[in-house]
Amino acid sequence: MRGKMAYWIGGTLTALLGIGLVRLLAPTLAGVTSSLAIVAGYLLVIVGITILALATRRKDSEMFITIEKEAKD
């Protein structure tokens, strides 16, 4: 669980940093730096969402386990 918590925190912070770049910092800049901040912000959001997606993966040992609804012991 602790290993996945790092993914959740890291992904959330990365995505929020990207949003902050695009929504807060980029409008205050001018010219090329504004465009670079926007591109960097969107890339950070994509990376953050990808990290969050990694947090939802199953373990390799549990990847192909199927559970039947009416399985008998």
PDB file of N, CA and C in Angstrom:
ATOM      1  N   MET A   1       0.812  -1.196   0.000  1.00  0.00           N
ATOM      2  CA  MET A   1       0.000   0.000   0.000  1.00  0.00           C
ATOM      3  C   MET A   1       0.860   1.265   0.000  1.00  0.00           C
ATOM      4  N   ARG A   2       1.972   1.224   0.754  1.00  0.00           N
ATOM      5  CA  ARG A   2       2.827   2.410   0.805  1.00  0.00           C
ATOM      6  C   ARG A   2       3.445   2.709  -0.546  1.00  0.00           C
ATOM      7  N   GLY A   3       3.765   1.677  -1.323  1.00  0.00           N
ATOM      8  CA  GLY A   3       4.341   1.885  -2.644  1.00  0.00           C
ATOM      9  C   GLY A   3       3.372   2.596  -3.574  1.00  0.00           C
ATOM     10  N   LYS A   4       2.118   2.244  -3.476  1.00  0.00           N
ATOM     11  CA  LYS A   4       1.112   2.894  -4.311  1.00  0.00           C
ATOM     12  C   LYS A   4       0.792   4.304  -3.834  1.00  0.00           C
ATOM     13  N   MET A   5       0.965   4.555  -2.550  1.00  0.00           N
ATOM     14  CA  MET A   5       0.706   5.888  -2.023  1.00  0.00           C
ATOM     15  C   MET A   5       1.672   6.898  -2.648  1.00  0.00           C
ATOM     16  N   ALA A   6       2.894   6.466  -2.902  1.00  0.00           N
ATOM     17  CA  ALA A   6       3.868   7.351  -3.547  1.00  0.00           C
ATOM     18  C   ALA A   6       3.401   7.712  -4.962  1.00  0.00           C
ATOM     19  N   TYR A   7       2.816   6.754  -5.668  1.00  0.00           N
ATOM     20  CA  TYR A   7       2.276   7.041  -7.004  1.00  0.00           C
ATOM     21  C   TYR A   7       1.139   8.057  -6.921  1.00  0.00           C
ATOM     22  N   TRP A   8       0.238   7.857  -5.957  1.00  0.00           N
ATOM     23  CA  TRP A   8      -0.911   8.759  -5.827  1.00  0.00           C
ATOM     24  C   TRP A   8      -0.473  10.179  -5.489  1.00  0.00           C
ATOM     25  N   ILE A   9       0.427  10.309  -4.538  1.00  0.00           N
ATOM     26  CA  ILE A   9       0.881  11.644  -4.135  1.00  0.00           C
ATOM     27  C   ILE A   9       1.700  12.286  -5.248  1.00  0.00           C
ATOM     28  N   GLY A  10       2.627  11.525  -5.810  1.00  0.00           N
ATOM     29  CA  GLY A  10       3.476  12.061  -6.871  1.00  0.00           C
ATOM     30  C   GLY A  10       2.692  12.463  -8.109  1.00  0.00           C
ATOM     31  N   GLY A  11       1.748  11.634  -8.512  1.00  0.00           N
ATOM     32  CA  GLY A  11       0.935  11.941  -9.684  1.00  0.00           C
ATOM     33  C   GLY A  11       0.049  13.153  -9.476  1.00  0.00           C
ATOM     34  N   THR A  12      -0.535  13.237  -8.293  1.00  0.00           N
ATOM     35  CA  THR A  12      -1.395  14.379  -7.989  1.00  0.00           C
ATOM     36  C   THR A  12      -0.609  15.681  -7.961  1.00  0.00           C
ATOM     37  N   LEU A  13       0.538  15.661  -7.302  1.00  0.00           N
ATOM     38  CA  LEU A  13       1.356  16.874  -7.228  1.00  0.00           C
ATOM     39  C   LEU A  13       1.892  17.289  -8.594  1.00  0.00           C
ATOM     40  N   THR A  14       2.267  16.310  -9.407  1.00  0.00           N
ATOM     41  CA  THR A  14       2.766  16.621 -10.748  1.00  0.00           C
ATOM     42  C   THR A  14       1.677  17.253 -11.602  1.00  0.00           C
ATOM     43  N   ALA A  15       0.482  16.677 -11.566  1.00  0.00           N
ATOM     44  CA  ALA A  15      -0.623  17.226 -12.352  1.00  0.00           C
ATOM     45  C   ALA A  15      -1.018  18.620 -11.860  1.00  0.00           C
ATOM     46  N   LEU A  16      -1.041  18.812 -10.545  1.00  0.00           N
ATOM     47  CA  LEU A  16      -1.398  20.129 -10.010  1.00  0.00           C
ATOM     48  C   LEU A  16      -0.339  21.184 -10.333  1.00  0.00           C
ATOM     49  N   LEU A  17       0.919  20.769 -10.366  1.00  0.00           N
ATOM     50  CA  LEU A  17       1.974  21.693 -10.768  1.00  0.00           C
ATOM     51  C   LEU A  17       1.792  22.121 -12.228  1.00  0.00           C
ATOM     52  N   GLY A  18       1.416  21.176 -13.070  1.00  0.00           N
ATOM     53  CA  GLY A  18       1.145  21.507 -14.472  1.00  0.00           C
ATOM     54  C   GLY A  18      -0.027  22.458 -14.621  1.00  0.00           C
ATOM     55  N   ILE A  19      -1.074  22.228 -13.847  1.00  0.00           N
ATOM     56  CA  ILE A  19      -2.236  23.122 -13.890  1.00  0.00           C
ATOM     57  C   ILE A  19      -1.845  24.514 -13.419  1.00  0.00           C
ATOM     58  N   GLY A  20      -1.035  24.577 -12.373  1.00  0.00           N
ATOM     59  CA  GLY A  20      -0.576  25.866 -11.875  1.00  0.00           C
ATOM     60  C   GLY A  20       0.243  26.623 -12.905  1.00  0.00           C
ATOM     61  N   LEU A  21       1.085  25.890 -13.638  1.00  0.00           N
ATOM     62  CA  LEU A  21       1.866  26.543 -14.694  1.00  0.00           C
ATOM     63  C   LEU A  21       0.969  27.147 -15.767  1.00  0.00           C
ATOM     64  N   VAL A  22      -0.022  26.372 -16.188  1.00  0.00           N
ATOM     65  CA  VAL A  22      -0.876  26.822 -17.293  1.00  0.00           C
ATOM     66  C   VAL A  22      -1.831  27.927 -16.845  1.00  0.00           C
ATOM     67  N   ARG A  23      -2.447  27.762 -15.694  1.00  0.00           N
ATOM     68  CA  ARG A  23      -3.498  28.698 -15.278  1.00  0.00           C
ATOM     69  C   ARG A  23      -2.987  29.922 -14.530  1.00  0.00           C
ATOM     70  N   LEU A  24      -1.902  29.769 -13.786  1.00  0.00           N
ATOM     71  CA  LEU A  24      -1.449  30.878 -12.947  1.00  0.00           C
ATOM     72  C   LEU A  24      -0.213  31.591 -13.489  1.00  0.00           C
ATOM     73  N   LEU A  25       0.782  30.824 -13.915  1.00  0.00           N
ATOM     74  CA  LEU A  25       2.043  31.439 -14.305  1.00  0.00           C
ATOM     75  C   LEU A  25       2.059  31.903 -15.761  1.00  0.00           C
ATOM     76  N   ALA A  26       1.553  31.079 -16.668  1.00  0.00           N
ATOM     77  CA  ALA A  26       1.618  31.412 -18.096  1.00  0.00           C
ATOM     78  C   ALA A  26       0.921  32.726 -18.454  1.00  0.00           C
ATOM     79  N   PRO A  27      -0.238  33.049 -17.888  1.00  0.00           N
ATOM     80  CA  PRO A  27      -0.872  34.327 -18.252  1.00  0.00           C
ATOM     81  C   PRO A  27      -0.068  35.566 -17.841  1.00  0.00           C
ATOM     82  N   THR A  28       0.795  35.418 -16.839  1.00  0.00           N
ATOM     83  CA  THR A  28       1.584  36.570 -16.407  1.00  0.00           C
ATOM     84  C   THR A  28       2.829  36.775 -17.248  1.00  0.00           C
ATOM     85  N   LEU A  29       3.204  35.779 -18.012  1.00  0.00           N
ATOM     86  CA  LEU A  29       4.395  35.871 -18.857  1.00  0.00           C
ATOM     87  C   LEU A  29       4.014  36.384 -20.239  1.00  0.00           C
ATOM     88  N   ALA A  30       5.028  36.745 -21.021  1.00  0.00           N
ATOM     89  CA  ALA A  30       4.761  37.264 -22.360  1.00  0.00           C
ATOM     90  C   ALA A  30       5.643  36.550 -23.372  1.00  0.00           C
ATOM     91  N   GLY A  31       5.127  36.412 -24.573  1.00  0.00           N
ATOM     92  CA  GLY A  31       5.911  35.903 -25.690  1.00  0.00           C
ATOM     93  C   GLY A  31       6.211  34.423 -25.615  1.00  0.00           C
ATOM     94  N   VAL A  32       7.459  34.114 -25.928  1.00  0.00           N
ATOM     95  CA  VAL A  32       7.887  32.720 -26.025  1.00  0.00           C
ATOM     96  C   VAL A  32       7.852  32.035 -24.666  1.00  0.00           C
ATOM     97  N   THR A  33       8.175  32.743 -23.608  1.00  0.00           N
ATOM     98  CA  THR A  33       8.168  32.121 -22.279  1.00  0.00           C
ATOM     99  C   THR A  33       6.764  31.682 -21.870  1.00  0.00           C
ATOM    100  N   SER A  34       5.772  32.427 -22.290  1.00  0.00           N
ATOM    101  CA  SER A  34       4.396  32.020 -22.016  1.00  0.00           C
ATOM    102  C   SER A  34       4.057  30.728 -22.747  1.00  0.00           C
ATOM    103  N   SER A  35       4.469  30.647 -23.998  1.00  0.00           N
ATOM    104  CA  SER A  35       4.210  29.431 -24.784  1.00  0.00           C
ATOM    105  C   SER A  35       4.946  28.232 -24.193  1.00  0.00           C
ATOM    106  N   LEU A  36       6.183  28.440 -23.753  1.00  0.00           N
ATOM    107  CA  LEU A  36       6.941  27.346 -23.144  1.00  0.00           C
ATOM    108  C   LEU A  36       6.312  26.901 -21.827  1.00  0.00           C
ATOM    109  N   ALA A  37       5.818  27.843 -21.057  1.00  0.00           N
ATOM    110  CA  ALA A  37       5.163  27.504 -19.794  1.00  0.00           C
ATOM    111  C   ALA A  37       3.883  26.709 -20.041  1.00  0.00           C
ATOM    112  N   ILE A  38       3.147  27.063 -21.067  1.00  0.00           N
ATOM    113  CA  ILE A  38       1.917  26.341 -21.401  1.00  0.00           C
ATOM    114  C   ILE A  38       2.235  24.914 -21.834  1.00  0.00           C
ATOM    115  N   VAL A  39       3.226  24.767 -22.707  1.00  0.00           N
ATOM    116  CA  VAL A  39       3.608  23.427 -23.175  1.00  0.00           C
ATOM    117  C   VAL A  39       4.114  22.587 -22.002  1.00  0.00           C
ATOM    118  N   ALA A  40       4.973  23.175 -21.171  1.00  0.00           N
ATOM    119  CA  ALA A  40       5.496  22.439 -20.018  1.00  0.00           C
ATOM    120  C   ALA A  40       4.370  22.065 -19.056  1.00  0.00           C
ATOM    121  N   GLY A  41       3.416  22.951 -18.868  1.00  0.00           N
ATOM    122  CA  GLY A  41       2.295  22.664 -17.981  1.00  0.00           C
ATOM    123  C   GLY A  41       1.441  21.517 -18.481  1.00  0.00           C
ATOM    124  N   TYR A  42       1.133  21.527 -19.761  1.00  0.00           N
ATOM    125  CA  TYR A  42       0.337  20.429 -20.312  1.00  0.00           C
ATOM    126  C   TYR A  42       1.093  19.109 -20.260  1.00  0.00           C
ATOM    127  N   LEU A  43       2.391  19.147 -20.496  1.00  0.00           N
ATOM    128  CA  LEU A  43       3.179  17.920 -20.392  1.00  0.00           C
ATOM    129  C   LEU A  43       3.195  17.392 -18.958  1.00  0.00           C
ATOM    130  N   LEU A  44       3.297  18.298 -17.993  1.00  0.00           N
ATOM    131  CA  LEU A  44       3.259  17.867 -16.593  1.00  0.00           C
ATOM    132  C   LEU A  44       1.910  17.261 -16.221  1.00  0.00           C
ATOM    133  N   VAL A  45       0.844  17.804 -16.749  1.00  0.00           N
ATOM    134  CA  VAL A  45      -0.480  17.229 -16.486  1.00  0.00           C
ATOM    135  C   VAL A  45      -0.572  15.814 -17.059  1.00  0.00           C
ATOM    136  N   ILE A  46      -0.078  15.623 -18.276  1.00  0.00           N
ATOM    137  CA  ILE A  46      -0.112  14.296 -18.900  1.00  0.00           C
ATOM    138  C   ILE A  46       0.735  13.310 -18.114  1.00  0.00           C
ATOM    139  N   VAL A  47       1.912  13.748 -17.685  1.00  0.00           N
ATOM    140  CA  VAL A  47       2.784  12.877 -16.885  1.00  0.00           C
ATOM    141  C   VAL A  47       2.118  12.546 -15.556  1.00  0.00           C
ATOM    142  N   GLY A  48       1.484  13.519 -14.925  1.00  0.00           N
ATOM    143  CA  GLY A  48       0.792  13.274 -13.658  1.00  0.00           C
ATOM    144  C   GLY A  48      -0.336  12.273 -13.792  1.00  0.00           C
ATOM    145  N   ILE A  49      -1.113  12.388 -14.854  1.00  0.00           N
ATOM    146  CA  ILE A  49      -2.200  11.429 -15.078  1.00  0.00           C
ATOM    147  C   ILE A  49      -1.646  10.039 -15.367  1.00  0.00           C
ATOM    148  N   THR A  50      -0.532   9.968 -16.076  1.00  0.00           N
ATOM    149  CA  THR A  50       0.108   8.678 -16.340  1.00  0.00           C
ATOM    150  C   THR A  50       0.600   8.042 -15.048  1.00  0.00           C
ATOM    151  N   ILE A  51       1.175   8.834 -14.171  1.00  0.00           N
ATOM    152  CA  ILE A  51       1.618   8.308 -12.874  1.00  0.00           C
ATOM    153  C   ILE A  51       0.424   7.801 -12.073  1.00  0.00           C
ATOM    154  N   LEU A  52      -0.681   8.525 -12.107  1.00  0.00           N
ATOM    155  CA  LEU A  52      -1.884   8.061 -11.413  1.00  0.00           C
ATOM    156  C   LEU A  52      -2.408   6.760 -12.017  1.00  0.00           C
ATOM    157  N   ALA A  53      -2.292   6.622 -13.323  1.00  0.00           N
ATOM    158  CA  ALA A  53      -2.721   5.373 -13.962  1.00  0.00           C
ATOM    159  C   ALA A  53      -1.846   4.207 -13.514  1.00  0.00           C
ATOM    160  N   LEU A  54      -0.573   4.464 -13.295  1.00  0.00           N
ATOM    161  CA  LEU A  54       0.312   3.405 -12.811  1.00  0.00           C
ATOM    162  C   LEU A  54      -0.071   2.957 -11.410  1.00  0.00           C
ATOM    163  N   ALA A  55      -0.670   3.831 -10.632  1.00  0.00           N
ATOM    164  CA  ALA A  55      -1.079   3.485  -9.272  1.00  0.00           C
ATOM    165  C   ALA A  55      -2.238   2.506  -9.256  1.00  0.00           C
ATOM    166  N   THR A  56      -2.977   2.406 -10.340  1.00  0.00           N
ATOM    167  CA  THR A  56      -4.145   1.532 -10.370  1.00  0.00           C
ATOM    168  C   THR A  56      -3.847   0.168 -10.977  1.00  0.00           C
ATOM    169  N   ARG A  57      -2.600  -0.056 -11.365  1.00  0.00           N
ATOM    170  CA  ARG A  57      -2.262  -1.356 -11.952  1.00  0.00           C
ATOM    171  C   ARG A  57      -2.265  -2.450 -10.906  1.00  0.00           C
ATOM    172  N   ARG A  58      -2.539  -3.661 -11.361  1.00  0.00           N
ATOM    173  CA  ARG A  58      -2.455  -4.815 -10.478  1.00  0.00           C
ATOM    174  C   ARG A  58      -1.010  -5.272 -10.381  1.00  0.00           C
ATOM    175  N   LYS A  59      -0.743  -6.066  -9.363  1.00  0.00           N
ATOM    176  CA  LYS A  59       0.568  -6.687  -9.256  1.00  0.00           C
ATOM    177  C   LYS A  59       0.712  -7.689 -10.391  1.00  0.00           C
ATOM    178  N   ASP A  60       1.945  -7.932 -10.823  1.00  0.00           N
ATOM    179  CA  ASP A  60       2.171  -8.891 -11.895  1.00  0.00           C
ATOM    180  C   ASP A  60       1.711 -10.289 -11.498  1.00  0.00           C
ATOM    181  N   SER A  61       1.835 -10.632 -10.228  1.00  0.00           N
ATOM    182  CA  SER A  61       1.429 -11.963  -9.786  1.00  0.00           C
ATOM    183  C   SER A  61      -0.094 -12.135  -9.793  1.00  0.00           C
ATOM    184  N   GLU A  62      -0.849 -11.043  -9.769  1.00  0.00           N
ATOM    185  CA  GLU A  62      -2.309 -11.111  -9.747  1.00  0.00           C
ATOM    186  C   GLU A  62      -2.930 -10.739 -11.085  1.00  0.00           C
ATOM    187  N   MET A  63      -2.126 -10.576 -12.105  1.00  0.00           N
ATOM    188  CA  MET A  63      -2.613 -10.006 -13.342  1.00  0.00           C
ATOM    189  C   MET A  63      -3.693 -10.853 -14.032  1.00  0.00           C
ATOM    190  N   PHE A  64      -3.522 -12.169 -14.053  1.00  0.00           N
ATOM    191  CA  PHE A  64      -4.445 -13.002 -14.815  1.00  0.00           C
ATOM    192  C   PHE A  64      -5.302 -13.882 -13.915  1.00  0.00           C
ATOM    193  N   ILE A  65      -5.494 -13.492 -12.683  1.00  0.00           N
ATOM    194  CA  ILE A  65      -6.353 -14.245 -11.771  1.00  0.00           C
ATOM    195  C   ILE A  65      -7.792 -13.822 -12.008  1.00  0.00           C
ATOM    196  N   THR A  66      -8.643 -14.786 -12.246  1.00  0.00           N
ATOM    197  CA  THR A  66     -10.068 -14.489 -12.402  1.00  0.00           C
ATOM    198  C   THR A  66     -10.822 -15.121 -11.237  1.00  0.00           C
ATOM    199  N   ILE A  67     -11.820 -14.457 -10.791  1.00  0.00           N
ATOM    200  CA  ILE A  67     -12.614 -14.932  -9.669  1.00  0.00           C
ATOM    201  C   ILE A  67     -14.007 -15.243 -10.179  1.00  0.00           C
ATOM    202  N   GLU A  68     -14.424 -16.459  -9.986  1.00  0.00           N
ATOM    203  CA  GLU A  68     -15.755 -16.858 -10.401  1.00  0.00           C
ATOM    204  C   GLU A  68     -16.744 -16.479  -9.307  1.00  0.00           C
ATOM    205  N   LYS A  69     -17.942 -16.097  -9.719  1.00  0.00           N
ATOM    206  CA  LYS A  69     -18.936 -15.638  -8.752  1.00  0.00           C
ATOM    207  C   LYS A  69     -19.391 -16.755  -7.823  1.00  0.00           C
ATOM    208  N   GLU A  70     -19.567 -17.933  -8.345  1.00  0.00           N
ATOM    209  CA  GLU A  70     -20.093 -19.020  -7.537  1.00  0.00           C
ATOM    210  C   GLU A  70     -19.061 -20.129  -7.381  1.00  0.00           C
ATOM    211  N   ALA A  71     -17.858 -19.778  -7.074  1.00  0.00           N
ATOM    212  CA  ALA A  71     -16.801 -20.763  -6.904  1.00  0.00           C
ATOM    213  C   ALA A  71     -16.987 -21.475  -5.556  1.00  0.00           C
ATOM    214  N   LYS A  72     -16.776 -22.786  -5.568  1.00  0.00           N
ATOM    215  CA  LYS A  72     -16.879 -23.565  -4.332  1.00  0.00           C
ATOM    216  C   LYS A  72     -15.475 -23.828  -3.823  1.00  0.00           C
ATOM    217  N   ASP A  73     -15.333 -23.831  -2.516  1.00  0.00           N
ATOM    218  CA  ASP A  73     -14.027 -24.081  -1.896  1.00  0.00           C
ATOM    219  C   ASP A  73     -13.673 -25.529  -1.904  1.00  0.00           C
TER     220      ASP A  73
END
